[in-house]
């Protein structure tokens, strides 16, 4: 049985990169219309991307209208890598896009990096359950990324989960 999910993209971007003008049209071709966006948050809990993308990075999370199959996650991650490459300058990425989804129980992000908790999807893509939804709250896990662990996105993710619930209800009616 294929359970529909609500896709989102956790986007890390360099100063001066215009998400709305440059990235949104391309993401909407891949995912459908943007139906919500978080505010922009400073990405300063790690310097993992600094050498490649520079300083002053920010994160924005977007969700997309409609529901699709979770089975498309690897395909969407590969398409996002091509988008990242298209916006790169030389060997420097200006944007990093981690597609993922929310369902009733969790937040999952796609990754090219292997780790013990990640599930291999094929084509060098792994699924990483970043947050678990339990007792009305998103719960962090031992491997949850520091910025997600801090809880700065929780209010926004609750809104996205509510959009998912409404879309599932409409689908059943």
N, C-alpha and C. Protein backbone atom coordinates (compact mmCIF):
# COMPACT_ATOMS: atom_id res chain seq x y z
N UNK A 1 0.85 -1.18 0.00
CA UNK A 1 0.00 0.00 0.00
C UNK A 1 0.89 1.24 0.00
N UNK A 2 0.61 2.14 -0.90
CA UNK A 2 1.40 3.37 -1.01
C UNK A 2 0.72 4.49 -0.23
N UNK A 3 1.39 4.95 0.83
CA UNK A 3 0.84 6.03 1.64
C UNK A 3 1.35 7.36 1.11
N UNK A 4 0.45 8.28 0.80
CA UNK A 4 0.88 9.60 0.31
C UNK A 4 1.53 10.41 1.42
N UNK A 5 2.50 11.22 1.01
CA UNK A 5 3.23 12.09 1.94
C UNK A 5 3.24 13.51 1.40
N UNK A 6 3.60 14.44 2.27
CA UNK A 6 3.74 15.84 1.87
C UNK A 6 5.21 16.15 1.74
N UNK A 7 5.62 16.52 0.53
CA UNK A 7 7.03 16.82 0.29
C UNK A 7 7.39 18.21 0.75
N UNK A 8 8.64 18.32 1.17
CA UNK A 8 9.22 19.60 1.55
C UNK A 8 10.68 19.61 1.13
N UNK A 9 11.29 20.76 1.25
CA UNK A 9 12.71 20.90 0.94
C UNK A 9 13.35 21.77 2.01
N UNK A 10 14.38 21.25 2.64
CA UNK A 10 15.19 22.03 3.59
C UNK A 10 16.34 22.61 2.78
N UNK A 11 16.31 23.91 2.59
CA UNK A 11 17.24 24.57 1.67
C UNK A 11 18.25 25.40 2.46
N UNK A 12 19.51 25.10 2.23
CA UNK A 12 20.62 25.86 2.81
C UNK A 12 21.17 26.73 1.69
N UNK A 13 21.34 28.04 1.95
CA UNK A 13 21.76 28.91 0.85
C UNK A 13 22.74 29.97 1.31
N UNK A 14 23.56 30.38 0.36
CA UNK A 14 24.59 31.39 0.58
C UNK A 14 24.00 32.79 0.50
N UNK A 15 24.64 33.77 1.15
CA UNK A 15 24.18 35.16 1.04
C UNK A 15 24.14 35.59 -0.42
N UNK A 16 23.09 36.30 -0.78
CA UNK A 16 22.97 36.81 -2.14
C UNK A 16 22.26 35.86 -3.09
N UNK A 17 22.03 34.63 -2.68
CA UNK A 17 21.30 33.70 -3.55
C UNK A 17 19.81 33.96 -3.39
N UNK A 18 19.12 34.25 -4.49
CA UNK A 18 17.71 34.61 -4.47
C UNK A 18 16.84 33.37 -4.65
N UNK A 19 16.37 32.81 -3.55
CA UNK A 19 15.57 31.60 -3.61
C UNK A 19 14.30 31.78 -4.41
N UNK A 20 13.59 32.87 -4.14
CA UNK A 20 12.29 33.05 -4.77
C UNK A 20 12.39 33.23 -6.28
N UNK A 21 13.36 33.98 -6.73
CA UNK A 21 13.49 34.22 -8.16
C UNK A 21 14.17 33.06 -8.88
N UNK A 22 15.24 32.52 -8.29
CA UNK A 22 16.03 31.52 -8.97
C UNK A 22 15.59 30.08 -8.69
N UNK A 23 15.36 29.76 -7.41
CA UNK A 23 15.13 28.37 -7.04
C UNK A 23 13.67 27.95 -7.07
N UNK A 24 12.76 28.80 -6.59
CA UNK A 24 11.36 28.41 -6.52
C UNK A 24 10.81 27.88 -7.84
N UNK A 25 11.03 28.57 -8.96
CA UNK A 25 10.47 28.05 -10.22
C UNK A 25 10.96 26.64 -10.55
N UNK A 26 12.22 26.37 -10.25
CA UNK A 26 12.78 25.04 -10.54
C UNK A 26 12.23 23.99 -9.58
N UNK A 27 12.12 24.34 -8.31
CA UNK A 27 11.56 23.40 -7.34
C UNK A 27 10.09 23.11 -7.64
N UNK A 28 9.36 24.13 -8.09
CA UNK A 28 7.95 23.92 -8.40
C UNK A 28 7.76 23.00 -9.60
N UNK A 29 8.72 22.98 -10.53
CA UNK A 29 8.66 22.01 -11.63
C UNK A 29 8.79 20.59 -11.10
N UNK A 30 9.56 20.43 -10.06
CA UNK A 30 9.85 19.11 -9.50
C UNK A 30 8.79 18.66 -8.48
N UNK A 31 8.31 19.60 -7.65
CA UNK A 31 7.44 19.24 -6.53
C UNK A 31 6.00 19.75 -6.65
N UNK A 32 5.77 20.76 -7.47
CA UNK A 32 4.48 21.43 -7.49
C UNK A 32 4.58 22.75 -6.76
N UNK A 33 3.47 23.50 -6.69
CA UNK A 33 3.51 24.85 -6.10
C UNK A 33 3.94 24.86 -4.64
N UNK A 34 4.75 25.85 -4.28
CA UNK A 34 5.10 26.08 -2.88
C UNK A 34 3.82 26.51 -2.16
N UNK A 35 3.49 25.82 -1.06
CA UNK A 35 2.30 26.23 -0.31
C UNK A 35 2.63 26.78 1.07
N UNK A 36 3.89 26.66 1.49
CA UNK A 36 4.30 27.32 2.73
C UNK A 36 5.81 27.44 2.75
N UNK A 37 6.28 28.39 3.54
CA UNK A 37 7.71 28.57 3.71
C UNK A 37 7.98 29.03 5.13
N UNK A 38 9.10 28.58 5.65
CA UNK A 38 9.51 29.04 6.97
C UNK A 38 10.17 30.40 6.82
N UNK A 39 10.46 31.02 7.94
CA UNK A 39 11.32 32.19 7.88
C UNK A 39 12.74 31.70 7.59
N UNK A 40 13.64 32.62 7.35
CA UNK A 40 15.04 32.27 7.14
C UNK A 40 15.75 32.23 8.49
N UNK A 41 16.49 31.15 8.71
CA UNK A 41 17.22 30.97 9.96
C UNK A 41 18.71 30.94 9.68
N UNK A 42 19.48 31.57 10.55
CA UNK A 42 20.94 31.48 10.44
C UNK A 42 21.35 30.02 10.63
N UNK A 43 22.23 29.56 9.78
CA UNK A 43 22.73 28.19 9.88
C UNK A 43 24.14 28.28 10.46
N UNK A 44 24.21 28.26 11.79
CA UNK A 44 25.49 28.52 12.43
C UNK A 44 25.86 27.49 13.50
N UNK A 45 25.21 26.34 13.47
CA UNK A 45 25.50 25.33 14.48
C UNK A 45 26.63 24.39 14.05
N UNK A 46 27.04 24.50 12.82
CA UNK A 46 28.14 23.72 12.30
C UNK A 46 28.79 24.51 11.17
N UNK A 47 30.06 24.27 10.95
CA UNK A 47 30.73 24.91 9.81
C UNK A 47 31.00 23.89 8.69
N UNK A 48 30.25 22.80 8.71
CA UNK A 48 30.42 21.71 7.75
C UNK A 48 30.43 22.20 6.30
N UNK A 49 29.56 23.15 5.97
CA UNK A 49 29.43 23.62 4.58
C UNK A 49 30.23 24.88 4.29
N UNK A 50 30.87 25.47 5.27
CA UNK A 50 31.53 26.77 5.11
C UNK A 50 32.60 26.78 4.03
N UNK A 51 33.45 25.76 3.99
CA UNK A 51 34.53 25.74 3.00
C UNK A 51 33.97 25.74 1.58
N UNK A 52 32.87 25.05 1.38
CA UNK A 52 32.29 24.95 0.04
C UNK A 52 31.35 26.11 -0.29
N UNK A 53 30.54 26.53 0.69
CA UNK A 53 29.47 27.49 0.42
C UNK A 53 29.71 28.87 1.02
N UNK A 54 30.74 29.01 1.83
CA UNK A 54 31.05 30.30 2.43
C UNK A 54 30.40 30.47 3.79
N UNK A 55 30.55 31.67 4.32
CA UNK A 55 29.99 32.02 5.64
C UNK A 55 28.63 32.67 5.48
N UNK A 56 27.92 32.82 6.60
CA UNK A 56 26.63 33.51 6.59
C UNK A 56 25.49 32.71 5.98
N UNK A 57 25.58 31.37 6.03
CA UNK A 57 24.55 30.53 5.43
C UNK A 57 23.24 30.65 6.19
N UNK A 58 22.15 30.46 5.45
CA UNK A 58 20.82 30.46 6.05
C UNK A 58 20.06 29.22 5.60
N UNK A 59 19.06 28.85 6.40
CA UNK A 59 18.20 27.72 6.05
C UNK A 59 16.76 28.22 5.96
N UNK A 60 16.06 27.74 4.93
CA UNK A 60 14.62 27.96 4.79
C UNK A 60 14.02 26.61 4.42
N UNK A 61 12.87 26.33 4.97
CA UNK A 61 12.16 25.10 4.64
C UNK A 61 10.90 25.47 3.88
N UNK A 62 10.66 24.75 2.79
CA UNK A 62 9.49 24.98 1.95
C UNK A 62 8.67 23.70 1.91
N UNK A 63 7.35 23.84 1.85
CA UNK A 63 6.52 22.68 1.58
C UNK A 63 5.75 22.93 0.29
N UNK A 64 5.27 21.83 -0.27
CA UNK A 64 4.66 21.89 -1.60
C UNK A 64 3.25 21.35 -1.57
N UNK A 65 2.39 21.97 -2.33
CA UNK A 65 0.98 21.61 -2.40
C UNK A 65 0.82 20.21 -2.97
N UNK A 66 -0.13 19.47 -2.41
CA UNK A 66 -0.44 18.14 -2.92
C UNK A 66 0.34 17.06 -2.20
N UNK A 67 -0.08 15.83 -2.44
CA UNK A 67 0.54 14.67 -1.82
C UNK A 67 1.07 13.75 -2.92
N UNK A 68 2.20 13.12 -2.62
CA UNK A 68 2.81 12.19 -3.58
C UNK A 68 3.33 10.98 -2.83
N UNK A 69 3.80 10.01 -3.57
CA UNK A 69 4.33 8.78 -3.00
C UNK A 69 5.69 9.01 -2.35
N UNK A 70 5.89 8.41 -1.18
CA UNK A 70 7.20 8.44 -0.53
C UNK A 70 8.25 7.73 -1.38
N UNK A 71 7.82 6.84 -2.25
CA UNK A 71 8.74 6.08 -3.09
C UNK A 71 9.50 6.97 -4.08
N UNK A 72 9.10 8.22 -4.24
CA UNK A 72 9.76 9.14 -5.16
C UNK A 72 10.93 9.88 -4.53
N UNK A 73 11.22 9.63 -3.25
CA UNK A 73 12.23 10.42 -2.54
C UNK A 73 13.60 10.36 -3.20
N UNK A 74 14.07 9.19 -3.57
CA UNK A 74 15.41 9.08 -4.18
C UNK A 74 15.46 9.86 -5.49
N UNK A 75 14.43 9.72 -6.30
CA UNK A 75 14.36 10.44 -7.57
C UNK A 75 14.40 11.95 -7.34
N UNK A 76 13.69 12.42 -6.34
CA UNK A 76 13.66 13.86 -6.05
C UNK A 76 15.01 14.34 -5.52
N UNK A 77 15.70 13.52 -4.73
CA UNK A 77 17.03 13.91 -4.24
C UNK A 77 18.01 14.04 -5.41
N UNK A 78 17.96 13.11 -6.35
CA UNK A 78 18.85 13.18 -7.51
C UNK A 78 18.55 14.42 -8.35
N UNK A 79 17.27 14.76 -8.51
CA UNK A 79 16.90 15.96 -9.26
C UNK A 79 17.37 17.22 -8.52
N UNK A 80 17.31 17.21 -7.19
CA UNK A 80 17.78 18.37 -6.42
C UNK A 80 19.29 18.52 -6.55
N UNK A 81 20.02 17.43 -6.62
CA UNK A 81 21.49 17.51 -6.83
C UNK A 81 21.78 18.19 -8.16
N UNK A 82 21.02 17.85 -9.20
CA UNK A 82 21.22 18.49 -10.51
C UNK A 82 20.94 19.99 -10.42
N UNK A 83 19.91 20.36 -9.66
CA UNK A 83 19.62 21.79 -9.46
C UNK A 83 20.77 22.48 -8.74
N UNK A 84 21.27 21.88 -7.68
CA UNK A 84 22.40 22.45 -6.95
C UNK A 84 23.57 22.70 -7.89
N UNK A 85 23.87 21.70 -8.72
CA UNK A 85 24.97 21.82 -9.67
C UNK A 85 24.74 22.95 -10.67
N UNK A 86 23.49 23.12 -11.08
CA UNK A 86 23.19 24.15 -12.08
C UNK A 86 23.39 25.55 -11.51
N UNK A 87 23.28 25.72 -10.20
CA UNK A 87 23.46 27.02 -9.56
C UNK A 87 24.88 27.22 -9.01
N UNK A 88 25.73 26.21 -9.13
CA UNK A 88 27.09 26.29 -8.60
C UNK A 88 27.94 27.23 -9.43
N UNK A 89 28.95 27.76 -8.77
CA UNK A 89 29.97 28.57 -9.44
C UNK A 89 31.29 27.83 -9.26
N UNK A 90 31.73 27.20 -10.32
CA UNK A 90 32.93 26.37 -10.21
C UNK A 90 32.64 25.19 -9.30
N UNK A 91 33.48 24.98 -8.32
CA UNK A 91 33.31 23.88 -7.37
C UNK A 91 32.53 24.31 -6.12
N UNK A 92 31.98 25.52 -6.14
CA UNK A 92 31.29 26.04 -4.96
C UNK A 92 29.78 26.05 -5.17
N UNK A 93 29.08 25.30 -4.34
CA UNK A 93 27.62 25.34 -4.37
C UNK A 93 27.15 26.61 -3.68
N UNK A 94 26.07 27.18 -4.18
CA UNK A 94 25.44 28.33 -3.53
C UNK A 94 24.17 27.90 -2.80
N UNK A 95 23.72 26.68 -3.09
CA UNK A 95 22.50 26.17 -2.48
C UNK A 95 22.64 24.66 -2.27
N UNK A 96 22.13 24.20 -1.14
CA UNK A 96 22.08 22.77 -0.81
C UNK A 96 20.62 22.45 -0.52
N UNK A 97 20.07 21.48 -1.24
CA UNK A 97 18.65 21.16 -1.13
C UNK A 97 18.49 19.74 -0.61
N UNK A 98 17.89 19.61 0.55
CA UNK A 98 17.58 18.29 1.10
C UNK A 98 16.07 18.09 1.02
N UNK A 99 15.62 17.35 0.00
CA UNK A 99 14.19 17.06 -0.07
C UNK A 99 13.81 16.05 1.00
N UNK A 100 12.57 16.08 1.36
CA UNK A 100 12.07 15.12 2.34
C UNK A 100 10.57 15.17 2.37
N UNK A 101 10.01 14.53 3.39
CA UNK A 101 8.56 14.54 3.51
C UNK A 101 8.13 14.42 4.97
N UNK A 102 6.89 14.84 5.17
CA UNK A 102 6.19 14.66 6.44
C UNK A 102 5.01 13.75 6.18
N UNK A 103 4.80 12.83 7.12
CA UNK A 103 3.56 12.08 7.15
C UNK A 103 3.02 12.17 8.57
N UNK A 104 2.09 11.32 8.95
CA UNK A 104 1.51 11.41 10.29
C UNK A 104 2.53 11.13 11.39
N UNK A 105 3.60 10.41 11.07
CA UNK A 105 4.48 9.87 12.10
C UNK A 105 5.89 10.43 12.15
N UNK A 106 6.33 11.14 11.10
CA UNK A 106 7.75 11.48 11.06
C UNK A 106 8.06 12.54 10.02
N UNK A 107 9.29 13.06 10.16
CA UNK A 107 9.93 13.89 9.14
C UNK A 107 11.12 13.10 8.63
N UNK A 108 11.18 12.91 7.33
CA UNK A 108 12.27 12.18 6.67
C UNK A 108 12.95 13.12 5.70
N UNK A 109 14.29 13.14 5.71
CA UNK A 109 15.06 13.88 4.71
C UNK A 109 15.93 12.91 3.94
N UNK A 110 16.17 13.23 2.67
CA UNK A 110 17.05 12.41 1.84
C UNK A 110 18.48 12.90 1.97
N UNK A 111 19.41 11.97 1.81
CA UNK A 111 20.82 12.29 1.96
C UNK A 111 21.66 11.41 1.05
N UNK A 112 22.83 11.90 0.69
CA UNK A 112 23.81 11.07 -0.01
C UNK A 112 24.82 10.47 0.96
N UNK A 113 24.71 10.85 2.24
CA UNK A 113 25.67 10.37 3.23
C UNK A 113 25.11 9.17 3.98
N UNK A 114 25.91 8.12 4.06
CA UNK A 114 25.51 6.92 4.78
C UNK A 114 25.72 7.11 6.28
N UNK A 115 24.87 6.51 7.08
CA UNK A 115 25.01 6.49 8.54
C UNK A 115 24.20 5.29 9.05
N UNK A 116 24.47 4.85 10.26
CA UNK A 116 23.82 3.63 10.75
C UNK A 116 22.30 3.66 10.75
N UNK A 117 21.69 4.81 11.00
CA UNK A 117 20.23 4.89 11.08
C UNK A 117 19.56 5.09 9.73
N UNK A 118 20.34 5.38 8.71
CA UNK A 118 19.75 5.71 7.41
C UNK A 118 19.45 4.44 6.60
N UNK A 119 18.37 4.52 5.83
CA UNK A 119 17.93 3.40 5.02
C UNK A 119 18.25 3.68 3.57
N UNK A 120 18.94 2.73 2.93
CA UNK A 120 19.36 2.90 1.54
C UNK A 120 18.15 2.76 0.61
N UNK A 121 17.99 3.76 -0.27
CA UNK A 121 16.88 3.77 -1.21
C UNK A 121 17.30 3.39 -2.63
N UNK A 122 18.61 3.36 -2.89
CA UNK A 122 19.12 3.12 -4.23
C UNK A 122 19.72 4.39 -4.79
N UNK A 123 20.54 4.24 -5.83
CA UNK A 123 21.15 5.37 -6.53
C UNK A 123 21.94 6.29 -5.59
N UNK A 124 22.57 5.71 -4.57
CA UNK A 124 23.39 6.44 -3.59
C UNK A 124 22.59 7.36 -2.68
N UNK A 125 21.28 7.15 -2.58
CA UNK A 125 20.41 7.98 -1.75
C UNK A 125 19.94 7.19 -0.53
N UNK A 126 19.95 7.88 0.61
CA UNK A 126 19.51 7.30 1.87
C UNK A 126 18.35 8.12 2.44
N UNK A 127 17.44 7.45 3.13
CA UNK A 127 16.36 8.12 3.86
C UNK A 127 16.77 8.22 5.33
N UNK A 128 16.61 9.41 5.90
CA UNK A 128 17.00 9.66 7.27
C UNK A 128 15.79 10.20 8.04
N UNK A 129 15.25 9.40 8.97
CA UNK A 129 14.16 9.88 9.81
C UNK A 129 14.77 10.85 10.82
N UNK A 130 14.49 12.13 10.63
CA UNK A 130 15.12 13.19 11.42
C UNK A 130 14.33 13.48 12.69
N UNK A 131 13.01 13.42 12.60
CA UNK A 131 12.13 13.67 13.74
C UNK A 131 11.01 12.65 13.76
N UNK A 132 10.59 12.26 14.95
CA UNK A 132 9.48 11.34 15.15
C UNK A 132 8.32 12.14 15.73
N UNK A 133 7.10 11.94 15.21
CA UNK A 133 5.94 12.62 15.76
C UNK A 133 5.26 11.68 16.75
N UNK A 134 5.16 12.13 18.00
CA UNK A 134 4.62 11.27 19.05
C UNK A 134 3.94 12.14 20.11
N UNK A 135 2.76 11.75 20.51
CA UNK A 135 2.03 12.45 21.56
C UNK A 135 1.89 13.95 21.28
N UNK A 136 1.61 14.28 20.01
CA UNK A 136 1.35 15.66 19.63
C UNK A 136 2.57 16.54 19.44
N UNK A 137 3.77 15.94 19.47
CA UNK A 137 5.01 16.70 19.33
C UNK A 137 6.00 15.99 18.42
N UNK A 138 6.84 16.78 17.78
CA UNK A 138 7.98 16.21 17.09
C UNK A 138 9.07 15.94 18.13
N UNK A 139 9.61 14.75 18.10
CA UNK A 139 10.65 14.34 19.04
C UNK A 139 11.97 14.19 18.31
N UNK A 140 13.03 14.68 18.94
CA UNK A 140 14.36 14.51 18.35
C UNK A 140 14.83 13.08 18.62
N UNK A 141 15.73 12.64 17.81
CA UNK A 141 16.32 11.31 17.90
C UNK A 141 17.82 11.47 18.14
N UNK A 142 18.51 10.43 18.54
CA UNK A 142 19.94 10.58 18.84
C UNK A 142 20.76 11.17 17.69
N UNK A 143 20.32 10.98 16.47
CA UNK A 143 21.06 11.43 15.29
C UNK A 143 20.49 12.70 14.66
N UNK A 144 19.46 13.28 15.25
CA UNK A 144 18.84 14.48 14.69
C UNK A 144 19.88 15.59 14.54
N UNK A 145 19.88 16.25 13.38
CA UNK A 145 20.83 17.34 13.11
C UNK A 145 20.71 18.43 14.17
N UNK A 146 21.83 19.09 14.51
CA UNK A 146 21.81 20.10 15.58
C UNK A 146 20.77 21.20 15.39
N UNK A 147 20.58 21.70 14.16
CA UNK A 147 19.62 22.78 13.97
C UNK A 147 18.18 22.28 14.17
N UNK A 148 17.89 21.05 13.78
CA UNK A 148 16.57 20.48 14.03
C UNK A 148 16.42 20.13 15.52
N UNK A 149 17.49 19.66 16.12
CA UNK A 149 17.49 19.31 17.54
C UNK A 149 17.17 20.53 18.40
N UNK A 150 17.69 21.67 18.01
CA UNK A 150 17.48 22.92 18.78
C UNK A 150 16.00 23.31 18.84
N UNK A 151 15.22 22.85 17.87
CA UNK A 151 13.77 23.11 17.89
C UNK A 151 13.33 24.35 17.15
N UNK A 152 14.23 25.00 16.44
CA UNK A 152 13.86 26.27 15.80
C UNK A 152 12.84 26.10 14.68
N UNK A 153 12.72 24.91 14.11
CA UNK A 153 11.79 24.69 13.01
C UNK A 153 10.47 24.06 13.46
N UNK A 154 10.35 23.73 14.73
CA UNK A 154 9.21 22.92 15.20
C UNK A 154 7.86 23.58 14.91
N UNK A 155 7.74 24.86 15.19
CA UNK A 155 6.45 25.53 14.95
C UNK A 155 6.08 25.44 13.47
N UNK A 156 7.04 25.70 12.62
CA UNK A 156 6.78 25.62 11.18
C UNK A 156 6.41 24.18 10.78
N UNK A 157 7.15 23.19 11.28
CA UNK A 157 6.87 21.80 10.91
C UNK A 157 5.49 21.35 11.39
N UNK A 158 5.03 21.87 12.50
CA UNK A 158 3.67 21.59 12.94
C UNK A 158 2.66 22.12 11.93
N UNK A 159 2.93 23.31 11.39
CA UNK A 159 2.02 23.87 10.37
C UNK A 159 2.02 23.00 9.11
N UNK A 160 3.18 22.52 8.71
CA UNK A 160 3.26 21.66 7.52
C UNK A 160 2.52 20.35 7.78
N UNK A 161 2.68 19.80 8.96
CA UNK A 161 1.97 18.56 9.28
C UNK A 161 0.46 18.80 9.25
N UNK A 162 0.02 19.96 9.69
CA UNK A 162 -1.41 20.27 9.64
C UNK A 162 -1.88 20.39 8.19
N UNK A 163 -1.07 20.97 7.31
CA UNK A 163 -1.41 21.00 5.88
C UNK A 163 -1.53 19.58 5.34
N UNK A 164 -0.62 18.72 5.75
CA UNK A 164 -0.68 17.30 5.34
C UNK A 164 -2.00 16.67 5.81
N UNK A 165 -2.33 16.89 7.06
CA UNK A 165 -3.58 16.32 7.61
C UNK A 165 -4.80 16.81 6.81
N UNK A 166 -4.84 18.10 6.48
CA UNK A 166 -5.96 18.65 5.72
C UNK A 166 -6.02 18.03 4.33
N UNK A 167 -4.86 17.89 3.69
CA UNK A 167 -4.84 17.29 2.35
C UNK A 167 -5.24 15.82 2.39
N UNK A 168 -4.85 15.11 3.43
CA UNK A 168 -5.28 13.71 3.57
C UNK A 168 -6.79 13.63 3.78
N UNK A 169 -7.33 14.54 4.59
CA UNK A 169 -8.77 14.57 4.83
C UNK A 169 -9.53 14.84 3.53
N UNK A 170 -9.03 15.81 2.74
CA UNK A 170 -9.68 16.12 1.45
C UNK A 170 -9.62 14.93 0.51
N UNK A 171 -8.56 14.20 0.56
CA UNK A 171 -8.39 13.03 -0.30
C UNK A 171 -9.40 11.94 0.05
N UNK A 172 -9.71 11.81 1.34
CA UNK A 172 -10.66 10.78 1.80
C UNK A 172 -12.11 11.17 1.50
N UNK A 173 -12.39 12.48 1.48
CA UNK A 173 -13.80 12.93 1.28
C UNK A 173 -14.27 12.78 -0.14
